[in-house]
N, C-alpha and C. Protein backbone atom coordinates (compact mmCIF):
# COMPACT_ATOMS: atom_id res chain seq x y z
N MET A 1 -76.81 18.80 -36.96
CA MET A 1 -76.90 20.18 -37.25
C MET A 1 -76.32 21.02 -36.16
N PRO A 2 -75.46 21.99 -36.42
CA PRO A 2 -74.84 22.75 -35.36
C PRO A 2 -75.83 23.63 -34.73
N SER A 3 -75.79 23.80 -33.37
CA SER A 3 -76.72 24.67 -32.68
C SER A 3 -76.23 26.11 -32.65
N ILE A 4 -74.96 26.32 -32.87
CA ILE A 4 -74.42 27.62 -32.96
C ILE A 4 -73.94 27.95 -34.35
N PRO A 5 -74.36 29.03 -34.96
CA PRO A 5 -73.90 29.34 -36.33
C PRO A 5 -72.37 29.56 -36.38
N ALA A 6 -71.84 29.16 -37.52
CA ALA A 6 -70.43 29.41 -37.75
C ALA A 6 -70.18 30.89 -37.67
N SER A 7 -68.99 31.29 -37.18
CA SER A 7 -68.77 32.71 -36.94
C SER A 7 -68.82 33.50 -38.25
N SER A 8 -68.53 32.82 -39.41
CA SER A 8 -68.61 33.47 -40.68
C SER A 8 -70.09 33.85 -41.13
N ASP A 9 -70.99 33.19 -40.38
CA ASP A 9 -72.39 33.43 -40.70
C ASP A 9 -72.99 34.56 -39.87
N LEU A 10 -72.22 35.07 -38.95
CA LEU A 10 -72.76 36.16 -38.10
C LEU A 10 -72.06 37.48 -38.50
N PRO A 11 -72.80 38.51 -38.78
CA PRO A 11 -72.16 39.85 -39.21
C PRO A 11 -71.56 40.38 -37.95
N ALA A 12 -70.38 41.04 -38.17
CA ALA A 12 -69.74 41.69 -37.12
C ALA A 12 -70.44 43.16 -36.92
N ALA A 13 -70.99 43.37 -35.67
CA ALA A 13 -71.75 44.53 -35.37
C ALA A 13 -70.83 45.80 -35.52
N ALA A 14 -69.54 45.68 -35.29
CA ALA A 14 -68.73 46.86 -35.44
C ALA A 14 -68.57 47.18 -36.92
N GLU A 15 -68.75 46.37 -37.84
CA GLU A 15 -68.65 46.66 -39.31
C GLU A 15 -69.87 47.38 -39.84
N ALA A 16 -70.96 47.40 -39.10
CA ALA A 16 -72.23 48.03 -39.63
C ALA A 16 -72.30 49.46 -39.41
N PRO A 17 -72.68 50.21 -40.34
CA PRO A 17 -72.80 51.76 -40.11
C PRO A 17 -73.91 51.92 -39.14
N ALA A 18 -73.86 52.96 -38.32
CA ALA A 18 -74.79 53.29 -37.30
C ALA A 18 -76.23 53.33 -37.91
N GLY A 19 -77.17 52.62 -37.20
CA GLY A 19 -78.56 52.59 -37.59
C GLY A 19 -78.92 51.51 -38.66
N SER A 20 -77.89 50.89 -39.24
CA SER A 20 -78.17 49.90 -40.23
C SER A 20 -77.83 48.46 -39.75
N GLY A 21 -77.51 48.35 -38.54
CA GLY A 21 -77.16 47.01 -38.06
C GLY A 21 -78.17 45.87 -38.22
N LEU A 22 -79.41 46.16 -37.90
CA LEU A 22 -80.43 45.24 -38.07
C LEU A 22 -80.66 44.87 -39.47
N LEU A 23 -80.71 45.85 -40.34
CA LEU A 23 -80.93 45.48 -41.79
C LEU A 23 -79.71 44.78 -42.39
N ASP A 24 -78.52 45.17 -41.90
CA ASP A 24 -77.37 44.45 -42.32
C ASP A 24 -77.39 42.94 -41.87
N ALA A 25 -77.80 42.77 -40.70
CA ALA A 25 -77.93 41.34 -40.10
C ALA A 25 -78.95 40.61 -40.92
N LEU A 26 -80.10 41.27 -41.24
CA LEU A 26 -81.13 40.63 -42.01
C LEU A 26 -80.70 40.18 -43.40
N GLN A 27 -80.07 41.16 -44.09
CA GLN A 27 -79.57 40.87 -45.41
C GLN A 27 -78.52 39.78 -45.43
N HIS A 28 -77.72 39.76 -44.40
CA HIS A 28 -76.64 38.77 -44.30
C HIS A 28 -77.35 37.36 -44.00
N GLN A 29 -78.33 37.33 -43.16
CA GLN A 29 -78.95 36.06 -42.85
C GLN A 29 -79.69 35.52 -44.04
N VAL A 30 -80.33 36.43 -44.84
CA VAL A 30 -81.03 36.07 -46.08
C VAL A 30 -80.01 35.41 -47.05
N ALA A 31 -78.78 36.04 -47.13
CA ALA A 31 -77.74 35.44 -48.05
C ALA A 31 -77.24 34.14 -47.50
N VAL A 32 -77.13 34.00 -46.18
CA VAL A 32 -76.70 32.68 -45.61
C VAL A 32 -77.80 31.65 -45.91
N PHE A 33 -79.05 32.06 -45.69
CA PHE A 33 -80.12 31.14 -45.97
C PHE A 33 -80.14 30.72 -47.39
N ALA A 34 -79.97 31.62 -48.36
CA ALA A 34 -79.98 31.24 -49.78
C ALA A 34 -78.82 30.30 -50.07
N ARG A 35 -77.63 30.54 -49.43
CA ARG A 35 -76.56 29.57 -49.62
C ARG A 35 -76.89 28.15 -49.05
N ARG A 36 -77.33 28.16 -47.89
CA ARG A 36 -77.73 26.85 -47.19
C ARG A 36 -78.81 26.17 -48.03
N ALA A 37 -79.74 26.98 -48.52
CA ALA A 37 -80.89 26.32 -49.30
C ALA A 37 -80.31 25.75 -50.54
N GLU A 38 -79.45 26.40 -51.18
CA GLU A 38 -78.83 25.84 -52.45
C GLU A 38 -77.92 24.64 -52.12
N GLN A 39 -77.27 24.71 -50.94
CA GLN A 39 -76.44 23.52 -50.66
C GLN A 39 -77.28 22.30 -50.36
N THR A 40 -78.36 22.45 -49.68
CA THR A 40 -79.25 21.25 -49.43
C THR A 40 -80.37 21.16 -50.49
N ARG A 41 -80.59 22.26 -51.28
CA ARG A 41 -81.63 22.42 -52.25
C ARG A 41 -83.00 22.19 -51.50
N LEU A 42 -82.95 22.32 -50.19
CA LEU A 42 -84.09 22.15 -49.31
C LEU A 42 -84.89 20.94 -49.84
N GLY A 43 -84.17 19.90 -50.29
CA GLY A 43 -84.79 18.77 -50.96
C GLY A 43 -85.44 17.75 -50.07
N GLY A 44 -85.26 17.88 -48.76
CA GLY A 44 -85.79 16.99 -47.91
C GLY A 44 -84.84 15.87 -47.41
N VAL A 45 -85.38 14.77 -46.99
CA VAL A 45 -84.65 13.66 -46.50
C VAL A 45 -84.97 12.32 -47.23
N GLY A 46 -84.22 11.39 -47.03
CA GLY A 46 -84.49 10.05 -47.66
C GLY A 46 -84.25 10.05 -49.12
N GLN A 47 -84.97 9.14 -49.84
CA GLN A 47 -84.91 8.92 -51.24
C GLN A 47 -85.32 10.13 -52.02
N ALA A 48 -86.28 10.90 -51.56
CA ALA A 48 -86.80 12.06 -52.24
C ALA A 48 -85.88 13.26 -52.19
N ARG A 49 -84.77 13.20 -51.37
CA ARG A 49 -83.90 14.30 -51.26
C ARG A 49 -83.31 14.72 -52.56
N ASN A 50 -83.28 16.00 -52.88
CA ASN A 50 -82.68 16.61 -54.04
C ASN A 50 -83.20 15.94 -55.33
N SER A 51 -84.40 15.33 -55.29
CA SER A 51 -84.93 14.68 -56.42
C SER A 51 -85.85 15.58 -57.33
N MET A 52 -86.11 16.76 -56.90
CA MET A 52 -87.00 17.63 -57.63
C MET A 52 -86.50 19.08 -57.48
N ASP A 53 -86.17 19.62 -58.66
CA ASP A 53 -85.69 21.04 -58.57
C ASP A 53 -86.73 22.03 -58.10
N ARG A 54 -86.30 23.19 -57.67
CA ARG A 54 -87.22 24.23 -57.23
C ARG A 54 -88.25 24.62 -58.21
N ALA A 55 -87.91 24.81 -59.45
CA ALA A 55 -88.87 25.23 -60.48
C ALA A 55 -90.01 24.13 -60.61
N ALA A 56 -89.68 22.91 -60.70
CA ALA A 56 -90.57 21.83 -60.82
C ALA A 56 -91.48 21.73 -59.67
N TYR A 57 -90.91 21.89 -58.44
CA TYR A 57 -91.73 21.81 -57.26
C TYR A 57 -92.75 22.93 -57.20
N LEU A 58 -92.33 24.11 -57.57
CA LEU A 58 -93.22 25.25 -57.48
C LEU A 58 -94.36 25.16 -58.55
N LEU A 59 -94.02 24.67 -59.71
CA LEU A 59 -94.96 24.53 -60.80
C LEU A 59 -96.06 23.48 -60.46
N LEU A 60 -95.51 22.28 -59.92
CA LEU A 60 -96.44 21.25 -59.61
C LEU A 60 -97.30 21.58 -58.41
N ASN A 61 -96.70 22.34 -57.45
CA ASN A 61 -97.45 22.73 -56.25
C ASN A 61 -98.55 23.65 -56.66
N ARG A 62 -98.27 24.66 -57.51
CA ARG A 62 -99.26 25.58 -57.95
C ARG A 62 -100.42 24.88 -58.69
N LEU A 63 -100.10 23.96 -59.56
CA LEU A 63 -101.17 23.15 -60.29
C LEU A 63 -102.00 22.34 -59.33
N ASP A 64 -101.36 21.86 -58.35
CA ASP A 64 -102.12 21.02 -57.35
C ASP A 64 -103.09 21.96 -56.50
N LEU A 65 -102.57 23.14 -56.12
CA LEU A 65 -103.36 24.01 -55.25
C LEU A 65 -104.44 24.77 -56.01
N GLU A 66 -104.15 25.13 -57.23
CA GLU A 66 -105.05 25.92 -58.02
C GLU A 66 -105.80 25.25 -59.21
N GLY A 67 -105.39 24.04 -59.49
CA GLY A 67 -106.02 23.29 -60.50
C GLY A 67 -105.44 23.63 -61.87
N PRO A 68 -105.95 22.95 -62.97
CA PRO A 68 -105.57 23.13 -64.27
C PRO A 68 -105.59 24.54 -64.75
N MET A 69 -104.64 25.04 -65.55
CA MET A 69 -104.60 26.42 -66.06
C MET A 69 -103.67 26.50 -67.25
N GLY A 70 -103.80 27.60 -67.96
CA GLY A 70 -103.00 27.89 -69.14
C GLY A 70 -101.63 28.33 -68.71
N VAL A 71 -100.76 28.35 -69.65
CA VAL A 71 -99.32 28.76 -69.44
C VAL A 71 -99.42 30.23 -68.91
N LYS A 72 -100.13 31.04 -69.57
CA LYS A 72 -100.14 32.56 -69.22
C LYS A 72 -100.62 32.67 -67.71
N ALA A 73 -101.63 31.97 -67.39
CA ALA A 73 -102.16 32.07 -65.98
C ALA A 73 -101.12 31.58 -64.96
N LEU A 74 -100.48 30.47 -65.38
CA LEU A 74 -99.41 29.87 -64.45
C LEU A 74 -98.28 30.79 -64.30
N ALA A 75 -97.82 31.40 -65.43
CA ALA A 75 -96.76 32.31 -65.43
C ALA A 75 -97.16 33.59 -64.55
N GLY A 76 -98.27 34.09 -64.77
CA GLY A 76 -98.76 35.29 -63.99
C GLY A 76 -98.79 35.05 -62.53
N GLY A 77 -99.34 33.83 -62.18
CA GLY A 77 -99.41 33.54 -60.72
C GLY A 77 -98.12 33.25 -60.10
N MET A 78 -97.06 32.95 -60.90
CA MET A 78 -95.79 32.66 -60.33
C MET A 78 -94.80 33.85 -60.46
N GLY A 79 -95.24 34.89 -61.17
CA GLY A 79 -94.41 36.12 -61.39
C GLY A 79 -93.25 35.88 -62.33
N ILE A 80 -93.44 35.05 -63.21
CA ILE A 80 -92.40 34.78 -64.30
C ILE A 80 -93.06 34.85 -65.66
N ASP A 81 -92.26 34.89 -66.70
CA ASP A 81 -92.79 35.12 -68.04
C ASP A 81 -93.23 33.66 -68.60
N SER A 82 -94.06 33.77 -69.63
CA SER A 82 -94.66 32.52 -70.22
C SER A 82 -93.57 31.67 -70.87
N SER A 83 -92.57 32.30 -71.48
CA SER A 83 -91.59 31.40 -72.09
C SER A 83 -90.81 30.62 -71.00
N THR A 84 -90.61 31.18 -69.86
CA THR A 84 -89.95 30.49 -68.78
C THR A 84 -90.79 29.26 -68.31
N VAL A 85 -92.09 29.48 -68.20
CA VAL A 85 -93.01 28.43 -67.82
C VAL A 85 -92.96 27.32 -68.89
N THR A 86 -93.06 27.69 -70.14
CA THR A 86 -93.03 26.72 -71.15
C THR A 86 -91.81 25.84 -71.11
N ARG A 87 -90.68 26.52 -70.93
CA ARG A 87 -89.42 25.75 -70.85
C ARG A 87 -89.40 24.86 -69.63
N GLN A 88 -89.82 25.30 -68.51
CA GLN A 88 -89.78 24.55 -67.29
C GLN A 88 -90.85 23.39 -67.24
N VAL A 89 -91.95 23.56 -67.94
CA VAL A 89 -93.02 22.57 -67.97
C VAL A 89 -92.71 21.45 -68.92
N ALA A 90 -91.96 21.73 -70.05
CA ALA A 90 -91.65 20.71 -70.99
C ALA A 90 -91.10 19.39 -70.37
N PRO A 91 -90.10 19.47 -69.54
CA PRO A 91 -89.55 18.13 -68.98
C PRO A 91 -90.67 17.46 -68.09
N LEU A 92 -91.54 18.31 -67.43
CA LEU A 92 -92.55 17.66 -66.61
C LEU A 92 -93.64 16.95 -67.44
N VAL A 93 -93.90 17.51 -68.59
CA VAL A 93 -94.84 16.89 -69.58
C VAL A 93 -94.12 15.59 -70.08
N ASP A 94 -92.84 15.70 -70.51
CA ASP A 94 -92.09 14.51 -71.01
C ASP A 94 -91.98 13.41 -70.03
N THR A 95 -91.93 13.74 -68.73
CA THR A 95 -91.84 12.63 -67.66
C THR A 95 -93.16 12.22 -67.15
N GLY A 96 -94.25 12.77 -67.68
CA GLY A 96 -95.61 12.40 -67.29
C GLY A 96 -96.04 13.05 -65.97
N LEU A 97 -95.40 13.98 -65.41
CA LEU A 97 -95.83 14.61 -64.22
C LEU A 97 -96.93 15.64 -64.48
N VAL A 98 -96.91 16.22 -65.61
CA VAL A 98 -97.94 17.26 -66.02
C VAL A 98 -98.50 16.71 -67.40
N LYS A 99 -99.76 16.94 -67.51
CA LYS A 99 -100.43 16.66 -68.88
C LYS A 99 -101.01 17.89 -69.50
N ARG A 100 -100.88 17.97 -70.81
CA ARG A 100 -101.48 19.04 -71.60
C ARG A 100 -102.82 18.53 -72.09
N THR A 101 -103.80 19.40 -71.82
CA THR A 101 -105.12 19.01 -72.32
C THR A 101 -105.74 20.29 -73.09
N SER A 102 -106.76 20.12 -73.81
CA SER A 102 -107.40 21.21 -74.49
C SER A 102 -108.34 21.90 -73.45
N HIS A 103 -108.39 23.22 -73.61
CA HIS A 103 -109.28 23.99 -72.82
C HIS A 103 -110.76 23.55 -73.00
N PRO A 104 -111.55 23.36 -72.01
CA PRO A 104 -112.90 22.89 -72.15
C PRO A 104 -113.79 23.71 -73.04
N GLU A 105 -113.57 25.11 -72.97
CA GLU A 105 -114.40 25.99 -73.77
C GLU A 105 -113.81 26.44 -75.09
N ASP A 106 -112.36 26.37 -75.09
CA ASP A 106 -111.71 26.76 -76.35
C ASP A 106 -110.77 25.75 -76.70
N GLY A 107 -111.12 24.76 -77.55
CA GLY A 107 -110.29 23.63 -77.85
C GLY A 107 -108.92 23.99 -78.44
N ARG A 108 -108.72 25.21 -78.84
CA ARG A 108 -107.41 25.60 -79.45
C ARG A 108 -106.37 25.82 -78.29
N ALA A 109 -106.91 26.27 -77.20
CA ALA A 109 -106.02 26.66 -76.02
C ALA A 109 -105.63 25.40 -75.22
N VAL A 110 -104.36 25.50 -74.70
CA VAL A 110 -103.77 24.38 -74.03
C VAL A 110 -103.94 24.69 -72.52
N VAL A 111 -104.26 23.66 -71.76
CA VAL A 111 -104.39 23.70 -70.32
C VAL A 111 -103.44 22.73 -69.71
N LEU A 112 -102.74 23.12 -68.72
CA LEU A 112 -101.76 22.23 -67.99
C LEU A 112 -102.43 21.76 -66.74
N ALA A 113 -102.27 20.45 -66.50
CA ALA A 113 -102.87 19.83 -65.31
C ALA A 113 -101.94 18.83 -64.73
N LEU A 114 -101.98 18.79 -63.45
CA LEU A 114 -101.13 17.83 -62.70
C LEU A 114 -101.71 16.45 -62.97
N SER A 115 -100.81 15.51 -63.36
CA SER A 115 -101.18 14.15 -63.63
C SER A 115 -101.24 13.36 -62.25
N ALA A 116 -101.84 12.16 -62.31
CA ALA A 116 -101.86 11.37 -61.07
C ALA A 116 -100.42 10.99 -60.71
N ARG A 117 -99.57 10.72 -61.72
CA ARG A 117 -98.18 10.52 -61.36
C ARG A 117 -97.49 11.70 -60.74
N GLY A 118 -97.84 12.88 -61.29
CA GLY A 118 -97.25 14.17 -60.76
C GLY A 118 -97.72 14.42 -59.31
N LEU A 119 -98.95 14.18 -59.03
CA LEU A 119 -99.50 14.31 -57.65
C LEU A 119 -98.81 13.35 -56.68
N ALA A 120 -98.59 12.09 -57.11
CA ALA A 120 -97.89 11.17 -56.30
C ALA A 120 -96.49 11.57 -55.99
N ARG A 121 -95.82 12.01 -57.03
CA ARG A 121 -94.37 12.49 -56.95
C ARG A 121 -94.35 13.77 -56.05
N LEU A 122 -95.22 14.66 -56.19
CA LEU A 122 -95.31 15.90 -55.41
C LEU A 122 -95.47 15.51 -53.95
N GLU A 123 -96.38 14.56 -53.69
CA GLU A 123 -96.64 14.17 -52.26
C GLU A 123 -95.37 13.51 -51.68
N GLU A 124 -94.61 12.75 -52.50
CA GLU A 124 -93.37 12.21 -51.95
C GLU A 124 -92.36 13.29 -51.51
N VAL A 125 -92.27 14.29 -52.38
CA VAL A 125 -91.29 15.39 -52.16
C VAL A 125 -91.82 16.25 -51.01
N ARG A 126 -93.12 16.53 -50.91
CA ARG A 126 -93.70 17.33 -49.76
C ARG A 126 -93.38 16.60 -48.44
N SER A 127 -93.60 15.26 -48.48
CA SER A 127 -93.40 14.52 -47.18
C SER A 127 -91.88 14.61 -46.76
N SER A 128 -91.04 14.47 -47.75
CA SER A 128 -89.60 14.51 -47.50
C SER A 128 -89.19 15.94 -46.97
N ARG A 129 -89.78 16.97 -47.53
CA ARG A 129 -89.49 18.27 -47.15
C ARG A 129 -90.08 18.63 -45.76
N ARG A 130 -91.30 18.13 -45.52
CA ARG A 130 -91.88 18.18 -44.11
C ARG A 130 -90.94 17.67 -43.08
N GLU A 131 -90.38 16.48 -43.41
CA GLU A 131 -89.46 15.82 -42.48
C GLU A 131 -88.20 16.70 -42.25
N LEU A 132 -87.69 17.30 -43.35
CA LEU A 132 -86.53 18.24 -43.23
C LEU A 132 -86.87 19.34 -42.30
N MET A 133 -88.01 19.95 -42.61
CA MET A 133 -88.44 21.14 -41.72
C MET A 133 -88.65 20.77 -40.27
N ALA A 134 -89.18 19.53 -40.05
CA ALA A 134 -89.29 19.05 -38.67
C ALA A 134 -87.98 18.90 -38.02
N ARG A 135 -86.98 18.37 -38.74
CA ARG A 135 -85.63 18.16 -38.16
C ARG A 135 -84.95 19.55 -37.91
N VAL A 136 -85.09 20.41 -38.88
CA VAL A 136 -84.40 21.78 -38.69
C VAL A 136 -85.04 22.54 -37.55
N THR A 137 -86.32 22.43 -37.32
CA THR A 137 -86.97 23.18 -36.22
C THR A 137 -87.32 22.28 -35.03
N GLU A 138 -86.62 21.20 -34.88
CA GLU A 138 -86.92 20.22 -33.84
C GLU A 138 -86.98 20.80 -32.42
N GLY A 139 -86.10 21.74 -32.13
CA GLY A 139 -86.07 22.31 -30.80
C GLY A 139 -86.93 23.60 -30.68
N TRP A 140 -87.72 23.84 -31.64
CA TRP A 140 -88.54 25.08 -31.65
C TRP A 140 -89.96 24.73 -31.05
N ALA A 141 -90.45 25.76 -30.34
CA ALA A 141 -91.85 25.57 -29.87
C ALA A 141 -92.82 25.77 -31.10
N GLU A 142 -93.98 25.32 -31.01
CA GLU A 142 -94.95 25.39 -32.17
C GLU A 142 -95.22 26.90 -32.45
N GLU A 143 -95.25 27.69 -31.44
CA GLU A 143 -95.47 29.13 -31.63
C GLU A 143 -94.34 29.77 -32.41
N GLU A 144 -93.03 29.25 -32.20
CA GLU A 144 -91.93 29.81 -32.98
C GLU A 144 -92.01 29.34 -34.44
N ARG A 145 -92.45 28.16 -34.66
CA ARG A 145 -92.59 27.64 -36.02
C ARG A 145 -93.68 28.58 -36.77
N GLU A 146 -94.81 28.83 -36.04
CA GLU A 146 -95.89 29.61 -36.64
C GLU A 146 -95.34 31.02 -36.87
N ALA A 147 -94.64 31.60 -35.92
CA ALA A 147 -94.19 33.01 -36.10
C ALA A 147 -93.16 33.08 -37.23
N PHE A 148 -92.24 32.12 -37.34
CA PHE A 148 -91.29 32.04 -38.43
C PHE A 148 -91.97 31.93 -39.76
N THR A 149 -92.94 31.09 -39.88
CA THR A 149 -93.72 30.85 -41.17
C THR A 149 -94.46 32.10 -41.42
N THR A 150 -95.09 32.71 -40.49
CA THR A 150 -95.85 34.00 -40.75
C THR A 150 -94.86 35.14 -41.28
N LEU A 151 -93.73 35.32 -40.65
CA LEU A 151 -92.85 36.35 -40.98
C LEU A 151 -92.18 35.98 -42.37
N LEU A 152 -91.84 34.75 -42.62
CA LEU A 152 -91.21 34.38 -43.94
C LEU A 152 -92.21 34.58 -45.10
N THR A 153 -93.48 34.24 -44.74
CA THR A 153 -94.51 34.39 -45.83
C THR A 153 -94.62 35.93 -46.03
N ARG A 154 -94.67 36.70 -45.01
CA ARG A 154 -94.81 38.19 -45.16
C ARG A 154 -93.59 38.76 -45.98
N PHE A 155 -92.37 38.20 -45.61
CA PHE A 155 -91.12 38.62 -46.28
C PHE A 155 -91.27 38.32 -47.79
N ASN A 156 -91.63 37.00 -48.13
CA ASN A 156 -91.77 36.68 -49.50
C ASN A 156 -92.75 37.43 -50.34
N LEU A 157 -93.90 37.78 -49.75
CA LEU A 157 -94.96 38.61 -50.31
C LEU A 157 -94.45 39.98 -50.60
N SER A 158 -93.73 40.50 -49.57
CA SER A 158 -93.24 41.96 -49.84
C SER A 158 -92.19 41.95 -50.92
N LEU A 159 -91.36 40.92 -50.91
CA LEU A 159 -90.33 40.79 -52.02
C LEU A 159 -90.99 40.64 -53.34
N SER A 160 -92.03 39.85 -53.46
CA SER A 160 -92.83 39.66 -54.71
C SER A 160 -93.41 40.99 -55.13
N GLU A 161 -94.05 41.67 -54.19
CA GLU A 161 -94.62 42.99 -54.56
C GLU A 161 -93.58 43.99 -55.04
N LEU A 162 -92.45 43.99 -54.43
CA LEU A 162 -91.39 44.88 -54.82
C LEU A 162 -90.88 44.59 -56.22
N MET A 163 -90.72 43.38 -56.45
CA MET A 163 -90.22 42.88 -57.79
C MET A 163 -91.25 43.14 -58.88
N ALA A 164 -92.50 42.93 -58.55
CA ALA A 164 -93.60 43.22 -59.53
C ALA A 164 -93.67 44.77 -59.87
N ALA A 165 -93.58 45.52 -58.85
CA ALA A 165 -93.51 46.98 -59.03
C ALA A 165 -92.40 47.44 -59.91
N ALA A 166 -91.28 46.87 -59.69
CA ALA A 166 -90.04 47.12 -60.43
C ALA A 166 -90.21 46.75 -61.86
N ALA A 167 -90.80 45.52 -62.12
CA ALA A 167 -91.07 45.06 -63.45
C ALA A 167 -91.99 45.89 -64.26
N GLU A 168 -92.97 46.49 -63.56
CA GLU A 168 -93.90 47.36 -64.16
C GLU A 168 -93.42 48.74 -64.28
N GLY A 169 -92.17 49.01 -63.89
CA GLY A 169 -91.60 50.40 -64.01
C GLY A 169 -91.98 51.29 -62.92
N GLY A 170 -92.57 50.70 -61.81
CA GLY A 170 -93.00 51.54 -60.65
C GLY A 170 -91.85 51.68 -59.82
N PRO A 171 -92.02 52.36 -58.65
CA PRO A 171 -90.97 52.63 -57.75
C PRO A 171 -90.46 51.31 -57.08
N ALA A 172 -89.16 51.17 -57.06
CA ALA A 172 -88.58 49.91 -56.55
C ALA A 172 -88.15 50.11 -55.11
N SER A 173 -88.45 51.28 -54.54
CA SER A 173 -88.08 51.53 -53.14
C SER A 173 -89.24 52.00 -52.41
């Protein structure tokens, strides 16, 4: 892993309008991060690398952390529509990573739950991704990892809130 970013990854300060340099650098670094994440798919290392797409990982992770739930609840928690969840869950059900069960109180309703196979697969991928994050941040102090995680979490929450407001017709700025 190169310790110095490629010059094409660094914005030229002279190109930025006065007062916008920091935000230009931020948006540029987010774009570079998105490209690098797509190149590696942040899939981890070893056999589990690139073996689970982002949508599957996020769905399985949510089911693991929050337990069984219906499609509507899963979609709402992820900020996507129910039809998208239905489409993304179908291959997970087909491969046995997720199981469909009847709602305990309303037998007509369907509940999605992580299967034992799904949990095992999720743990493989998590382990691989932890190893990747350890390698990427190998030269970082623990405080730097914590600060980056805190700021990235805050950034993602702010972005989610902005997108939710825009979807509801609220102010997007």
